[in-house]
């Protein structure tokens, strides 16, 4: 997945806008960042809950990893290969939808799959 594909996928979710923080693109809903393209556009980051992060990193350990430090312990998850984190699937839906849902009020979204 290219940076432009990541961007189109993120912007295709309801209510998402692109902005910039610390010199790299991010994607927000309701003013909250839920995904970003990391510097160099080689990795994507999606904000998951710690439980979702554990499931994604267990199901696809070669794709997903927690980011370093406190952000990672809080669920920030990066994906290798030009933002596979925003496109990869597990049995519960794509990571972009989870990240978007976490940024919405009460951490839920009608886009989430049960």
C-alpha atoms as a PDB file:
ATOM      1  CA  UNK A   1       0.000   0.000   0.000  1.00  0.00           C
ATOM      2  CA  UNK A   2       1.331   3.400  -0.930  1.00  0.00           C
ATOM      3  CA  UNK A   3       1.040   6.553   1.154  1.00  0.00           C
ATOM      4  CA  UNK A   4      -1.630   7.803  -1.268  1.00  0.00           C
ATOM      5  CA  UNK A   5      -3.639   4.575  -0.879  1.00  0.00           C
ATOM      6  CA  UNK A   6      -3.400   4.900   2.914  1.00  0.00           C
ATOM      7  CA  UNK A   7      -4.594   8.504   2.604  1.00  0.00           C
ATOM      8  CA  UNK A   8      -7.568   7.534   0.379  1.00  0.00           C
ATOM      9  CA  UNK A   9      -8.548   4.718   2.744  1.00  0.00           C
ATOM     10  CA  UNK A  10      -8.432   6.935   5.831  1.00  0.00           C
ATOM     11  CA  UNK A  11     -10.242   9.826   4.130  1.00  0.00           C
ATOM     12  CA  UNK A  12     -12.895   7.419   2.870  1.00  0.00           C
ATOM     13  CA  UNK A  13     -14.141   6.888   6.423  1.00  0.00           C
ATOM     14  CA  UNK A  14     -17.005   9.091   7.587  1.00  0.00           C
ATOM     15  CA  UNK A  15     -16.051  12.461   9.062  1.00  0.00           C
ATOM     16  CA  UNK A  16     -12.285  12.103   8.560  1.00  0.00           C
ATOM     17  CA  UNK A  17     -10.083  15.069   7.672  1.00  0.00           C
ATOM     18  CA  UNK A  18      -6.366  15.212   6.956  1.00  0.00           C
ATOM     19  CA  UNK A  19      -4.127  17.564   8.936  1.00  0.00           C
ATOM     20  CA  UNK A  20      -0.456  17.699   9.887  1.00  0.00           C
ATOM     21  CA  UNK A  21       1.310  17.261  13.196  1.00  0.00           C
ATOM     22  CA  UNK A  22       5.072  17.324  13.761  1.00  0.00           C
ATOM     23  CA  UNK A  23       5.743  17.518  10.006  1.00  0.00           C
ATOM     24  CA  UNK A  24       3.825  14.420   8.957  1.00  0.00           C
ATOM     25  CA  UNK A  25       0.243  13.806   7.797  1.00  0.00           C
ATOM     26  CA  UNK A  26      -2.403  12.678  10.250  1.00  0.00           C
ATOM     27  CA  UNK A  27      -6.061  11.777   9.992  1.00  0.00           C
ATOM     28  CA  UNK A  28      -8.658  13.027  12.446  1.00  0.00           C
ATOM     29  CA  UNK A  29     -12.286  12.628  13.326  1.00  0.00           C
ATOM     30  CA  UNK A  30     -13.895  15.087  15.696  1.00  0.00           C
ATOM     31  CA  UNK A  31     -10.521  16.806  16.055  1.00  0.00           C
ATOM     32  CA  UNK A  32      -8.847  13.646  17.408  1.00  0.00           C
ATOM     33  CA  UNK A  33      -5.992  11.900  15.613  1.00  0.00           C
ATOM     34  CA  UNK A  34      -6.709   8.238  14.906  1.00  0.00           C
ATOM     35  CA  UNK A  35      -4.099   7.489  12.224  1.00  0.00           C
ATOM     36  CA  UNK A  36      -0.973   8.995  10.724  1.00  0.00           C
ATOM     37  CA  UNK A  37       1.675   8.428   8.128  1.00  0.00           C
ATOM     38  CA  UNK A  38       4.979   8.404   9.967  1.00  0.00           C
ATOM     39  CA  UNK A  39       7.961  10.436   8.739  1.00  0.00           C
ATOM     40  CA  UNK A  40       9.290   9.067   5.464  1.00  0.00           C
ATOM     41  CA  UNK A  41       5.835   7.642   4.654  1.00  0.00           C
ATOM     42  CA  UNK A  42       7.115   4.085   5.165  1.00  0.00           C
ATOM     43  CA  UNK A  43       4.918   3.239   8.174  1.00  0.00           C
ATOM     44  CA  UNK A  44       1.387   3.961   9.200  1.00  0.00           C
ATOM     45  CA  UNK A  45       0.105   4.375  12.744  1.00  0.00           C
ATOM     46  CA  UNK A  46      -3.400   3.660  13.980  1.00  0.00           C
ATOM     47  CA  UNK A  47      -4.697   4.355  17.491  1.00  0.00           C
ATOM     48  CA  UNK A  48      -6.223   1.153  18.786  1.00  0.00           C
ATOM     49  CA  UNK A  49      -7.332   0.212  22.274  1.00  0.00           C
ATOM     50  CA  UNK A  50      -4.722  -1.872  24.130  1.00  0.00           C
ATOM     51  CA  UNK A  51      -6.991  -4.914  23.712  1.00  0.00           C
ATOM     52  CA  UNK A  52      -7.355  -4.375  19.966  1.00  0.00           C
ATOM     53  CA  UNK A  53      -3.610  -3.811  19.674  1.00  0.00           C
ATOM     54  CA  UNK A  54      -2.915  -7.119  21.434  1.00  0.00           C
ATOM     55  CA  UNK A  55      -5.251  -8.942  19.060  1.00  0.00           C
ATOM     56  CA  UNK A  56      -3.788  -7.351  15.905  1.00  0.00           C
ATOM     57  CA  UNK A  57      -0.153  -7.847  16.976  1.00  0.00           C
ATOM     58  CA  UNK A  58      -0.874 -11.465  17.894  1.00  0.00           C
ATOM     59  CA  UNK A  59      -2.749 -12.184  14.654  1.00  0.00           C
ATOM     60  CA  UNK A  60      -0.166 -10.459  12.400  1.00  0.00           C
ATOM     61  CA  UNK A  61       3.138 -10.016  14.302  1.00  0.00           C
ATOM     62  CA  UNK A  62       5.129  -9.412  11.119  1.00  0.00           C
ATOM     63  CA  UNK A  63       2.884  -6.464  10.207  1.00  0.00           C
ATOM     64  CA  UNK A  64       1.900  -4.789  13.498  1.00  0.00           C
ATOM     65  CA  UNK A  65       3.881  -3.586  16.502  1.00  0.00           C
ATOM     66  CA  UNK A  66       3.198  -1.176  19.347  1.00  0.00           C
ATOM     67  CA  UNK A  67       4.927   2.173  18.937  1.00  0.00           C
ATOM     68  CA  UNK A  68       7.617   2.885  21.539  1.00  0.00           C
ATOM     69  CA  UNK A  69       6.850   4.199  25.003  1.00  0.00           C
ATOM     70  CA  UNK A  70       3.639   5.327  26.623  1.00  0.00           C
ATOM     71  CA  UNK A  71       1.822   5.893  23.313  1.00  0.00           C
ATOM     72  CA  UNK A  72       2.377   2.246  22.421  1.00  0.00           C
ATOM     73  CA  UNK A  73       1.207   1.048  25.834  1.00  0.00           C
ATOM     74  CA  UNK A  74      -1.953   3.081  25.207  1.00  0.00           C
ATOM     75  CA  UNK A  75      -2.674   1.311  21.899  1.00  0.00           C
ATOM     76  CA  UNK A  76      -0.769   3.310  19.255  1.00  0.00           C
ATOM     77  CA  UNK A  77       0.177   0.647  16.712  1.00  0.00           C
ATOM     78  CA  UNK A  78       2.440   0.923  13.682  1.00  0.00           C
ATOM     79  CA  UNK A  79       2.416  -1.170  10.552  1.00  0.00           C
ATOM     80  CA  UNK A  80       5.293  -1.831   8.191  1.00  0.00           C
ATOM     81  CA  UNK A  81       5.180  -1.633   4.437  1.00  0.00           C
ATOM     82  CA  UNK A  82       3.700   1.753   3.555  1.00  0.00           C
ATOM     83  CA  UNK A  83       0.948   1.689   6.128  1.00  0.00           C
ATOM     84  CA  UNK A  84      -0.376  -1.853   6.011  1.00  0.00           C
ATOM     85  CA  UNK A  85      -1.738  -1.044   9.462  1.00  0.00           C
ATOM     86  CA  UNK A  86      -4.612   0.847   7.895  1.00  0.00           C
ATOM     87  CA  UNK A  87      -5.547  -1.900   5.434  1.00  0.00           C
ATOM     88  CA  UNK A  88      -4.743  -5.271   6.975  1.00  0.00           C
ATOM     89  CA  UNK A  89      -7.618  -7.391   8.132  1.00  0.00           C
ATOM     90  CA  UNK A  90      -8.169  -9.755  11.011  1.00  0.00           C
ATOM     91  CA  UNK A  91     -11.444 -11.449  11.836  1.00  0.00           C
ATOM     92  CA  UNK A  92     -12.811  -8.224  13.359  1.00  0.00           C
ATOM     93  CA  UNK A  93     -12.441  -5.647  10.583  1.00  0.00           C
ATOM     94  CA  UNK A  94      -9.767  -3.265   9.413  1.00  0.00           C
ATOM     95  CA  UNK A  95      -7.567  -1.256  11.741  1.00  0.00           C
ATOM     96  CA  UNK A  96      -8.571   2.110  10.278  1.00  0.00           C
ATOM     97  CA  UNK A  97     -12.182   1.555  11.312  1.00  0.00           C
ATOM     98  CA  UNK A  98     -11.076   0.596  14.827  1.00  0.00           C
ATOM     99  CA  UNK A  99      -8.871   3.670  15.111  1.00  0.00           C
ATOM    100  CA  UNK A 100     -11.640   5.915  13.826  1.00  0.00           C
ATOM    101  CA  UNK A 101     -14.055   4.382  16.309  1.00  0.00           C
ATOM    102  CA  UNK A 102     -11.653   4.991  19.182  1.00  0.00           C
ATOM    103  CA  UNK A 103     -11.452   8.676  18.253  1.00  0.00           C
ATOM    104  CA  UNK A 104     -15.249   9.044  18.256  1.00  0.00           C
ATOM    105  CA  UNK A 105     -17.302   9.805  21.335  1.00  0.00           C
ATOM    106  CA  UNK A 106     -17.247   7.040  23.933  1.00  0.00           C
ATOM    107  CA  UNK A 107     -14.760   5.083  21.834  1.00  0.00           C
ATOM    108  CA  UNK A 108     -17.422   3.566  19.623  1.00  0.00           C
ATOM    109  CA  UNK A 109     -18.478   3.959  16.051  1.00  0.00           C
ATOM    110  CA  UNK A 110     -21.332   2.657  13.951  1.00  0.00           C
ATOM    111  CA  UNK A 111     -18.640   1.439  11.543  1.00  0.00           C
ATOM    112  CA  UNK A 112     -17.285  -1.083  14.051  1.00  0.00           C
ATOM    113  CA  UNK A 113     -18.003  -4.713  13.455  1.00  0.00           C
ATOM    114  CA  UNK A 114     -19.116  -6.761  16.456  1.00  0.00           C
END
